[in-house]
Protein backbone atom coordinates (compact mmCIF):
# COMPACT_ATOMS: atom_id res chain seq x y z
CA MET A 1 -2.45 53.67 -44.49
CA SER A 2 1.08 54.62 -43.48
CA PRO A 3 3.18 57.26 -45.26
CA LEU A 4 5.50 54.50 -46.53
CA GLU A 5 2.57 52.66 -48.10
CA LEU A 6 1.43 55.90 -49.72
CA LEU A 7 4.91 56.41 -51.17
CA ASP A 8 4.93 52.84 -52.46
CA TYR A 9 1.51 53.25 -54.09
CA ALA A 10 2.55 56.58 -55.60
CA SER A 11 5.72 55.11 -57.08
CA VAL A 12 3.81 52.14 -58.51
CA LEU A 13 1.24 54.47 -60.06
CA ILE A 14 3.73 56.86 -61.61
CA PHE A 15 6.08 54.13 -62.85
CA ALA A 16 3.07 52.26 -64.26
CA LEU A 17 2.15 55.39 -66.21
CA THR A 18 5.64 55.49 -67.73
CA GLY A 19 5.48 51.80 -68.63
CA ALA A 20 2.10 52.29 -70.28
CA LEU A 21 3.41 55.28 -72.22
CA VAL A 22 6.26 53.14 -73.51
CA ALA A 23 3.67 50.56 -74.56
CA SER A 24 1.80 53.32 -76.36
CA ARG A 25 4.90 54.38 -78.25
CA ALA A 26 5.42 50.74 -79.25
CA GLN A 27 1.75 50.53 -80.35
CA LEU A 28 0.96 47.53 -78.17
CA ASP A 29 -2.52 46.30 -77.33
CA VAL A 30 -4.18 46.78 -73.94
CA VAL A 31 -2.61 43.57 -72.60
CA GLY A 32 0.83 44.90 -73.53
CA PHE A 33 -0.01 48.14 -71.76
CA ALA A 34 -1.00 46.25 -68.60
CA PHE A 35 2.07 44.02 -68.75
CA LEU A 36 4.53 46.89 -69.10
CA ALA A 37 2.70 49.00 -66.54
CA CYS A 38 2.81 46.17 -63.97
CA LEU A 39 6.41 45.24 -64.73
CA THR A 40 7.58 48.83 -64.48
CA GLY A 41 5.33 49.67 -61.55
CA VAL A 42 6.28 46.86 -59.19
CA GLY A 43 9.71 45.81 -60.50
CA GLY A 44 11.90 47.73 -58.09
CA GLY A 45 9.72 47.06 -55.06
CA THR A 46 9.64 43.36 -55.84
CA LEU A 47 13.41 42.99 -55.82
CA ARG A 48 13.68 45.24 -52.75
CA ASP A 49 11.21 43.07 -50.85
CA LEU A 50 12.92 39.84 -51.91
CA LEU A 51 16.33 41.07 -50.79
CA LEU A 52 14.96 42.38 -47.49
CA ARG A 53 13.16 39.04 -46.99
CA ARG A 54 9.77 40.74 -46.81
CA GLU A 55 6.55 39.54 -48.35
CA VAL A 56 6.53 40.90 -51.91
CA LEU A 57 4.34 44.01 -52.07
CA TRP A 58 1.99 42.92 -54.85
CA ILE A 59 1.62 39.38 -53.46
CA ALA A 60 0.80 40.70 -50.00
CA ASP A 61 -1.58 43.29 -51.44
CA PRO A 62 -2.80 42.78 -55.03
CA THR A 63 -4.12 46.35 -54.97
CA TYR A 64 -0.69 47.36 -56.27
CA LEU A 65 -1.39 45.41 -59.46
CA ALA A 66 -4.84 46.97 -59.70
CA VAL A 67 -3.28 50.44 -59.47
CA ALA A 68 -0.82 49.58 -62.23
CA CYS A 69 -3.54 48.09 -64.45
CA GLY A 70 -5.75 51.12 -63.84
CA ALA A 71 -2.91 53.36 -64.94
CA ALA A 72 -2.42 51.21 -68.04
CA ILE A 73 -6.08 51.45 -69.03
CA ALA A 74 -6.11 55.21 -68.46
CA VAL A 75 -3.05 55.66 -70.67
CA PHE A 76 -4.44 53.27 -73.28
CA PHE A 77 -7.42 55.56 -73.81
CA THR A 78 -5.71 58.93 -73.37
CA ALA A 79 -2.12 58.69 -74.66
CA HIS A 80 -3.11 59.89 -78.13
CA ARG A 81 -3.96 63.29 -76.60
CA LEU A 82 -0.38 63.94 -75.49
CA GLU A 83 1.71 66.18 -77.68
CA SER A 84 4.90 64.30 -76.80
CA ARG A 85 4.76 60.91 -75.11
CA GLN A 86 8.55 60.87 -74.84
CA ARG A 87 8.55 64.12 -72.86
CA ALA A 88 5.80 62.76 -70.59
CA ILE A 89 7.83 59.60 -70.00
CA LEU A 90 10.91 61.61 -69.04
CA TRP A 91 9.02 63.85 -66.59
CA LEU A 92 7.01 61.05 -65.02
CA ASP A 93 10.12 58.89 -64.74
CA ALA A 94 11.95 61.66 -62.88
CA VAL A 95 9.05 62.14 -60.47
CA ALA A 96 8.64 58.40 -59.94
CA LEU A 97 12.35 57.97 -59.31
CA SER A 98 12.29 60.48 -56.49
CA VAL A 99 9.21 58.89 -54.91
CA ALA A 100 10.46 55.32 -55.28
CA VAL A 101 13.89 56.06 -53.83
CA ALA A 102 12.24 57.59 -50.76
CA ALA A 103 9.88 54.61 -50.47
CA GLY A 104 12.66 52.04 -50.85
CA ALA A 105 14.93 53.75 -48.35
CA GLY A 106 12.07 54.25 -45.90
CA ILE A 107 11.04 50.61 -46.03
CA ALA A 108 14.63 49.44 -45.54
CA LEU A 109 14.94 51.84 -42.59
CA ALA A 110 11.69 50.50 -41.10
CA GLU A 111 13.08 46.96 -41.45
CA GLY A 112 16.11 47.96 -39.36
CA ALA A 113 18.65 47.65 -42.16
CA PRO A 114 22.08 49.27 -41.76
CA VAL A 115 22.71 52.61 -43.51
CA PRO A 116 24.59 51.20 -46.56
CA VAL A 117 21.74 48.76 -47.20
CA ILE A 118 19.16 51.53 -46.80
CA LEU A 119 20.96 53.58 -49.45
CA VAL A 120 21.25 50.67 -51.87
CA MET A 121 17.60 49.68 -51.38
CA GLY A 122 16.49 53.23 -52.13
CA VAL A 123 18.54 53.45 -55.31
CA MET A 124 17.62 49.94 -56.41
CA THR A 125 13.90 50.47 -55.84
CA GLY A 126 13.99 53.59 -58.00
CA CYS A 127 16.25 52.32 -60.76
CA LEU A 128 14.64 48.92 -61.21
CA GLY A 129 11.18 50.45 -61.02
CA GLY A 130 12.01 52.67 -63.95
CA LEU A 131 13.12 49.97 -66.35
CA ASN A 132 11.22 50.11 -69.60
CA PHE A 133 12.13 47.21 -71.84
CA VAL A 134 10.42 48.46 -74.99
CA GLY A 135 10.87 51.79 -76.66
């Protein structure tokens, strides 16, 4: 597994945790947890891959969805133990943003994109990965 793949998996995992925590705050069921975790986990990478004309990460390798669903299930059973879910969301979101920006920029660089595109892909991967639509 390449360092770029590790960064992509790490960003999916951490963003999925934030999505699942948002689902917890909204008191959704386990399906809602999985939906928000997957949407948040792979959102930025999906758009990045589409714009770079690459095979979409979770279609090429469904393990990304398994990672996001695993994160959702873990949060579903453990979120009640957190003192502040909002604080956890903020910290995890900050960590995920830094990882996802590096992953997005690295993948665009590996695809041979020009510098302005590399910068936009990094920012877009991070920002769209961190979208939480509930909460």
